[in-house]
Amino acid sequence: MLTKEYSNTDAPPAASWRDYYALTKPGVVQLLVFTAIVGMFLATPGMVPWDVLVFGSLGIALAAASAAAINHVLDQRIDAAMARTRLRPLPSGRIGERDALAFALALGLAGLAVLVLFVNALTAALTFLSLIGYAVVYTAYLKRATPQNIVIGGAAGAAPPVLGWAAVTNEVSGYALLLFLIIFTWTPPHFWALAIARRRDYERADIPMFPVAYGEAMTKSFVIYYTILLIVVTLLPYLTGMSGVLYLLGAIALGAGFLGYTLRLKLAPRQDTAMKTFAYSITYLMALFSFLLVDHYIPLFWPE
């Protein structure tokens, strides 16, 4: 079958629904919503009310998708300079900036409206602050201003469990902040592993990510330091009585695996070690929160 090849003077192909879907960074949003849902279930000894579960998840997902779309708009120059992102809808010209902004605004307003009308105002307010934190404070300022960008900006990405907790209880408790702390501590080793793998891309885009500013050797050392800190932080749910032995064993096993990857990244790296560490970090977080969830409901099935 013959296919048309486009020259530099041809108009780019029209945008499809897949291009708009890509603007929402669905993989990232799915992970955020998953941690928010776990936060909902951990906030109650029984089952989460169906309306809170459905509308809370929907509102948080729409707001996260809005923040992702705004990130695409603000980062289009950077994306065009990086090999892994130059074919995204905006730098490739399949979606215009005005259309992307309108799409992001519609998603954000819809998400916040769902939370205000069907969940509670506290969750809506916290979600709005998270959206601004990621889309504006991190993307528009911190990302370009300091090698500590992901450390400071990680607060926005760590918020979903707090949002889920607030959706159920209409308050923020110390346990919710523990969940926040876990993701906040997880973010630097997670993202720096990717930044090591894509260092040349960030150099071309003139973004001062940690490995660009301080070199790969120092970054790998800090990945280990943060992973050790993360292992300590993940013990807190057990030590504070939030979770039981099943979670503790899972956290220790997962943390040992994460530390093993980071040590290989530092001491015996191969070409694909950084990306394997990055991939494991995603599996790690999903599994860790799964252990929190399963451990939380064990007493319902095996009462003491």
Protein backbone atom coordinates (compact mmCIF):
# COMPACT_ATOMS: atom_id res chain seq x y z
CA MET A 1 0.00 0.00 0.00
CA LEU A 2 1.31 3.44 -0.93
CA THR A 3 1.49 6.07 1.79
CA LYS A 4 1.83 9.81 1.36
CA GLU A 5 5.08 11.38 2.57
CA TYR A 6 4.85 14.92 3.89
CA SER A 7 7.46 17.52 3.01
CA ASN A 8 8.39 20.46 5.19
CA THR A 9 5.95 22.64 3.22
CA ASP A 10 2.97 20.33 3.65
CA ALA A 11 0.41 21.00 6.33
CA PRO A 12 0.67 18.54 9.25
CA PRO A 13 -1.97 15.84 9.50
CA ALA A 14 -5.16 16.86 11.27
CA ALA A 15 -5.34 16.09 14.97
CA SER A 16 -7.21 12.98 16.04
CA TRP A 17 -8.77 12.11 19.36
CA ARG A 18 -5.59 10.15 20.10
CA ASP A 19 -3.58 13.36 19.94
CA TYR A 20 -5.82 15.04 22.50
CA TYR A 21 -5.70 11.88 24.62
CA ALA A 22 -1.89 12.02 24.47
CA LEU A 23 -1.99 15.59 25.81
CA THR A 24 -3.41 14.22 29.06
CA LYS A 25 -0.39 11.96 29.72
CA PRO A 26 -2.69 9.00 30.46
CA GLY A 27 0.00 6.82 32.01
CA VAL A 28 0.88 9.49 34.55
CA VAL A 29 -2.77 10.29 35.26
CA GLN A 30 -3.59 6.61 35.83
CA LEU A 31 -0.83 6.35 38.46
CA LEU A 32 -1.99 9.56 40.16
CA VAL A 33 -5.62 8.43 40.25
CA PHE A 34 -4.61 5.01 41.57
CA THR A 35 -2.79 6.58 44.53
CA ALA A 36 -5.77 8.89 45.10
CA ILE A 37 -8.14 5.91 45.18
CA VAL A 38 -5.90 4.11 47.66
CA GLY A 39 -6.00 7.27 49.79
CA MET A 40 -9.81 7.10 49.71
CA PHE A 41 -9.93 3.51 50.91
CA LEU A 42 -7.32 4.06 53.62
CA ALA A 43 -9.41 6.96 54.97
CA THR A 44 -12.28 4.71 56.03
CA PRO A 45 -12.46 1.39 57.89
CA GLY A 46 -15.22 0.19 55.58
CA MET A 47 -16.03 0.81 51.95
CA VAL A 48 -15.80 4.18 50.24
CA PRO A 49 -19.24 5.58 49.32
CA TRP A 50 -19.82 4.91 45.63
CA ASP A 51 -20.49 8.55 44.78
CA VAL A 52 -17.27 9.73 46.40
CA LEU A 53 -15.31 6.97 44.68
CA VAL A 54 -16.74 7.71 41.24
CA PHE A 55 -16.94 11.50 41.30
CA GLY A 56 -13.78 11.94 43.36
CA SER A 57 -11.77 9.79 40.96
CA LEU A 58 -13.31 11.52 37.94
CA GLY A 59 -12.68 15.03 39.24
CA ILE A 60 -9.08 14.30 40.22
CA ALA A 61 -8.44 12.58 36.88
CA LEU A 62 -9.82 15.52 34.88
CA ALA A 63 -7.77 18.03 36.87
CA ALA A 64 -4.60 15.93 36.47
CA ALA A 65 -5.26 15.65 32.73
CA SER A 66 -5.68 19.43 32.58
CA ALA A 67 -2.34 19.97 34.30
CA ALA A 68 -0.70 17.54 31.86
CA ALA A 69 -2.12 19.39 28.86
CA ILE A 70 -0.89 22.73 30.22
CA ASN A 71 2.51 21.09 30.69
CA HIS A 72 2.50 20.17 26.99
CA VAL A 73 1.75 23.79 26.04
CA LEU A 74 4.44 25.31 28.24
CA ASP A 75 7.03 22.69 27.29
CA GLN A 76 6.49 22.62 23.53
CA ARG A 77 9.82 24.35 22.81
CA ILE A 78 11.62 21.90 25.07
CA ASP A 79 9.73 18.96 23.61
CA ALA A 80 10.75 19.99 20.08
CA ALA A 81 14.43 19.82 21.09
CA MET A 82 14.24 16.38 22.73
CA ALA A 83 14.31 13.13 20.80
CA ARG A 84 11.77 11.35 22.97
CA THR A 85 9.19 14.17 22.82
CA ARG A 86 9.60 15.91 19.45
CA LEU A 87 6.71 13.93 17.92
CA ARG A 88 4.20 14.99 20.57
CA PRO A 89 1.06 16.72 19.22
CA LEU A 90 2.19 20.30 19.84
CA PRO A 91 5.81 20.30 18.57
CA SER A 92 4.75 18.21 15.57
CA GLY A 93 2.05 20.77 14.76
CA ARG A 94 -0.90 18.40 14.88
CA ILE A 95 -2.54 20.49 17.64
CA GLY A 96 -2.26 24.25 17.93
CA GLU A 97 -1.42 26.05 21.16
CA ARG A 98 -4.81 27.76 21.37
CA ASP A 99 -6.69 24.48 20.92
CA ALA A 100 -4.52 22.76 23.51
CA LEU A 101 -5.10 25.55 26.03
CA ALA A 102 -8.85 25.46 25.45
CA PHE A 103 -8.81 21.70 25.93
CA ALA A 104 -6.81 22.04 29.15
CA LEU A 105 -9.13 24.75 30.48
CA ALA A 106 -12.21 22.67 29.73
CA LEU A 107 -10.75 19.65 31.51
CA GLY A 108 -9.72 21.70 34.54
CA LEU A 109 -13.04 23.46 34.92
CA ALA A 110 -14.95 20.21 34.49
CA GLY A 111 -12.82 18.44 37.08
CA LEU A 112 -13.12 21.17 39.68
CA ALA A 113 -16.87 21.48 39.06
CA VAL A 114 -17.33 17.74 39.65
CA LEU A 115 -15.40 17.96 42.92
CA VAL A 116 -17.28 21.03 44.18
CA LEU A 117 -20.72 19.73 43.24
CA PHE A 118 -20.41 16.05 44.10
CA VAL A 119 -17.51 15.67 46.59
CA ASN A 120 -16.51 18.65 48.77
CA ALA A 121 -14.93 22.09 48.53
CA LEU A 122 -11.76 21.07 50.40
CA THR A 123 -10.90 18.42 47.83
CA ALA A 124 -11.61 20.87 45.02
CA ALA A 125 -9.37 23.52 46.60
CA LEU A 126 -6.50 21.11 47.22
CA THR A 127 -6.83 19.75 43.68
CA PHE A 128 -6.71 23.27 42.26
CA LEU A 129 -3.55 24.03 44.25
CA SER A 130 -1.96 20.82 42.98
CA LEU A 131 -2.87 21.71 39.40
CA ILE A 132 -1.29 25.15 39.75
CA GLY A 133 1.72 23.66 41.51
CA TYR A 134 2.50 21.27 38.68
CA ALA A 135 1.34 23.19 35.62
CA VAL A 136 2.59 26.64 36.61
CA VAL A 137 5.06 26.59 39.51
CA TYR A 138 6.98 23.49 38.40
CA THR A 139 6.61 23.57 34.62
CA ALA A 140 6.79 27.32 34.01
CA TYR A 141 9.37 28.23 36.68
CA LEU A 142 11.13 25.53 38.69
CA LYS A 143 11.92 23.24 35.77
CA ARG A 144 13.99 25.98 34.13
CA ALA A 145 15.30 27.65 37.28
CA THR A 146 17.06 25.08 39.46
CA PRO A 147 18.49 21.55 39.43
CA GLN A 148 16.34 20.94 42.52
CA ASN A 149 13.23 21.40 40.35
CA ILE A 150 11.88 17.89 40.77
CA VAL A 151 12.55 17.87 44.53
CA ILE A 152 10.50 21.02 45.12
CA GLY A 153 7.97 20.44 42.36
CA GLY A 154 7.40 16.87 43.50
CA ALA A 155 4.93 18.17 46.08
CA ALA A 156 2.25 18.54 43.40
CA GLY A 157 2.68 14.96 42.21
CA ALA A 158 2.58 13.69 45.79
CA ALA A 159 -0.83 15.25 46.51
CA PRO A 160 -3.29 12.67 45.08
CA PRO A 161 -3.49 10.41 48.18
CA VAL A 162 -4.25 13.52 50.24
CA LEU A 163 -6.95 14.48 47.74
CA GLY A 164 -8.46 11.02 47.97
CA TRP A 165 -8.38 11.12 51.77
CA ALA A 166 -10.01 14.56 51.83
CA ALA A 167 -12.70 13.40 49.41
CA VAL A 168 -13.85 10.80 51.97
CA THR A 169 -13.30 12.62 55.27
CA ASN A 170 -13.39 16.32 54.28
CA GLU A 171 -10.18 16.80 56.23
CA VAL A 172 -6.43 16.14 55.99
CA SER A 173 -5.01 13.86 58.67
CA GLY A 174 -1.50 12.92 59.64
CA TYR A 175 -1.88 9.55 57.92
CA ALA A 176 -2.77 11.31 54.67
CA LEU A 177 0.40 13.36 55.00
CA LEU A 178 2.36 10.12 55.47
CA LEU A 179 1.13 8.98 52.07
CA PHE A 180 2.15 12.37 50.67
CA LEU A 181 5.61 11.99 52.20
CA ILE A 182 6.12 8.58 50.61
CA ILE A 183 5.46 9.86 47.09
CA PHE A 184 7.36 13.09 47.74
CA THR A 185 10.45 11.07 48.74
CA TRP A 186 9.98 8.61 45.87
CA THR A 187 9.86 11.30 43.17
CA PRO A 188 13.58 12.31 43.00
CA PRO A 189 15.06 8.81 42.53
CA HIS A 190 12.21 7.97 40.15
CA PHE A 191 12.69 11.00 37.94
CA TRP A 192 16.47 11.30 38.19
CA ALA A 193 16.83 7.79 36.78
CA LEU A 194 14.95 9.01 33.69
CA ALA A 195 16.97 12.24 33.64
CA ILE A 196 20.20 10.22 33.58
CA ALA A 197 18.94 8.22 30.60
CA ARG A 198 17.82 11.40 28.80
CA ARG A 199 20.63 13.73 29.92
CA ARG A 200 21.68 14.72 26.39
CA ASP A 201 18.11 15.66 25.57
CA TYR A 202 17.93 17.95 28.60
CA GLU A 203 21.28 19.48 27.66
CA ARG A 204 20.03 20.29 24.16
CA ALA A 205 16.89 21.83 25.63
CA ASP A 206 18.95 23.84 28.16
CA ILE A 207 17.05 22.42 31.14
CA PRO A 208 19.15 22.26 34.34
CA MET A 209 18.16 18.79 35.47
CA PHE A 210 20.37 17.36 38.22
CA PRO A 211 22.57 15.19 35.95
CA VAL A 212 23.05 18.13 33.57
CA ALA A 213 24.09 20.50 36.37
CA TYR A 214 26.13 18.14 38.54
CA GLY A 215 26.99 15.17 36.35
CA GLU A 216 25.83 11.59 36.28
CA ALA A 217 28.15 10.33 39.04
CA MET A 218 26.77 12.72 41.66
CA THR A 219 23.20 12.17 40.47
CA LYS A 220 23.58 8.40 40.86
CA SER A 221 24.85 8.89 44.41
CA PHE A 222 21.86 11.06 45.26
CA VAL A 223 19.52 8.49 43.74
CA ILE A 224 20.93 5.99 46.27
CA TYR A 225 20.64 8.47 49.16
CA TYR A 226 17.01 9.24 48.37
CA THR A 227 16.18 5.57 47.93
CA ILE A 228 17.57 4.82 51.39
CA LEU A 229 15.52 7.72 52.77
CA LEU A 230 12.49 6.36 50.94
CA ILE A 231 12.92 2.94 52.56
CA VAL A 232 12.99 4.62 55.99
CA VAL A 233 9.91 6.73 55.19
CA THR A 234 7.95 3.68 54.01
CA LEU A 235 8.40 2.11 57.44
CA LEU A 236 6.39 4.91 59.04
CA PRO A 237 2.92 3.54 58.21
CA TYR A 238 3.78 0.41 60.19
CA LEU A 239 5.56 2.24 63.00
CA THR A 240 2.62 4.63 63.48
CA GLY A 241 0.02 1.85 63.48
CA MET A 242 -1.47 2.82 60.15
CA SER A 243 -0.58 -0.54 58.56
CA GLY A 244 0.33 -4.03 59.65
CA VAL A 245 2.91 -6.75 59.09
CA LEU A 246 1.87 -7.58 55.51
CA TYR A 247 2.54 -4.03 54.42
CA LEU A 248 5.83 -3.96 56.36
CA LEU A 249 7.12 -7.09 54.63
CA GLY A 250 6.04 -5.78 51.25
CA ALA A 251 7.66 -2.39 51.84
CA ILE A 252 10.95 -3.98 52.90
CA ALA A 253 11.03 -6.34 49.90
CA LEU A 254 10.13 -3.62 47.42
CA GLY A 255 12.62 -1.21 48.97
CA ALA A 256 15.40 -3.80 48.76
CA GLY A 257 14.60 -4.24 45.08
CA PHE A 258 14.67 -0.49 44.47
CA LEU A 259 17.98 -0.14 46.31
CA GLY A 260 19.40 -3.00 44.26
CA TYR A 261 18.56 -1.20 41.04
CA THR A 262 20.09 2.06 42.24
CA LEU A 263 23.29 0.33 43.37
CA ARG A 264 23.64 -1.30 39.96
CA LEU A 265 23.03 2.11 38.39
CA LYS A 266 25.94 3.51 40.41
CA LEU A 267 28.38 0.61 40.55
CA ALA A 268 27.76 -1.54 37.48
CA PRO A 269 25.77 0.47 34.97
CA ARG A 270 24.84 -0.77 31.53
CA GLN A 271 23.28 1.23 28.74
CA ASP A 272 19.74 0.34 29.82
CA THR A 273 20.21 0.38 33.60
CA ALA A 274 18.82 3.89 34.09
CA MET A 275 15.61 3.11 32.18
CA LYS A 276 15.22 -0.20 34.00
CA THR A 277 15.57 1.66 37.31
CA PHE A 278 12.97 4.18 36.15
CA ALA A 279 10.58 1.40 35.09
CA TYR A 280 11.03 -0.44 38.40
CA SER A 281 10.30 2.75 40.33
CA ILE A 282 6.82 2.90 38.75
CA THR A 283 6.16 -0.76 39.56
CA TYR A 284 7.48 -0.11 43.05
CA LEU A 285 5.03 2.67 43.81
CA MET A 286 2.02 0.79 42.46
CA ALA A 287 2.97 -2.34 44.41
CA LEU A 288 3.67 -0.39 47.60
CA PHE A 289 0.25 1.27 47.53
CA SER A 290 -1.33 -2.08 46.69
CA PHE A 291 0.23 -3.52 49.84
CA LEU A 292 -1.19 -0.59 51.81
CA LEU A 293 -4.63 -1.29 50.40
CA VAL A 294 -4.62 -5.07 50.93
CA ASP A 295 -3.17 -4.74 54.43
CA HIS A 296 -5.87 -2.21 55.31
CA TYR A 297 -8.67 -4.66 54.54
CA ILE A 298 -7.20 -7.87 55.97
CA PRO A 299 -9.05 -7.45 59.31
CA LEU A 300 -12.35 -7.53 57.44
CA PHE A 301 -11.60 -11.01 56.11
CA TRP A 302 -9.50 -12.40 58.97
CA PRO A 303 -10.66 -10.60 62.12
CA GLU A 304 -8.45 -10.94 65.15
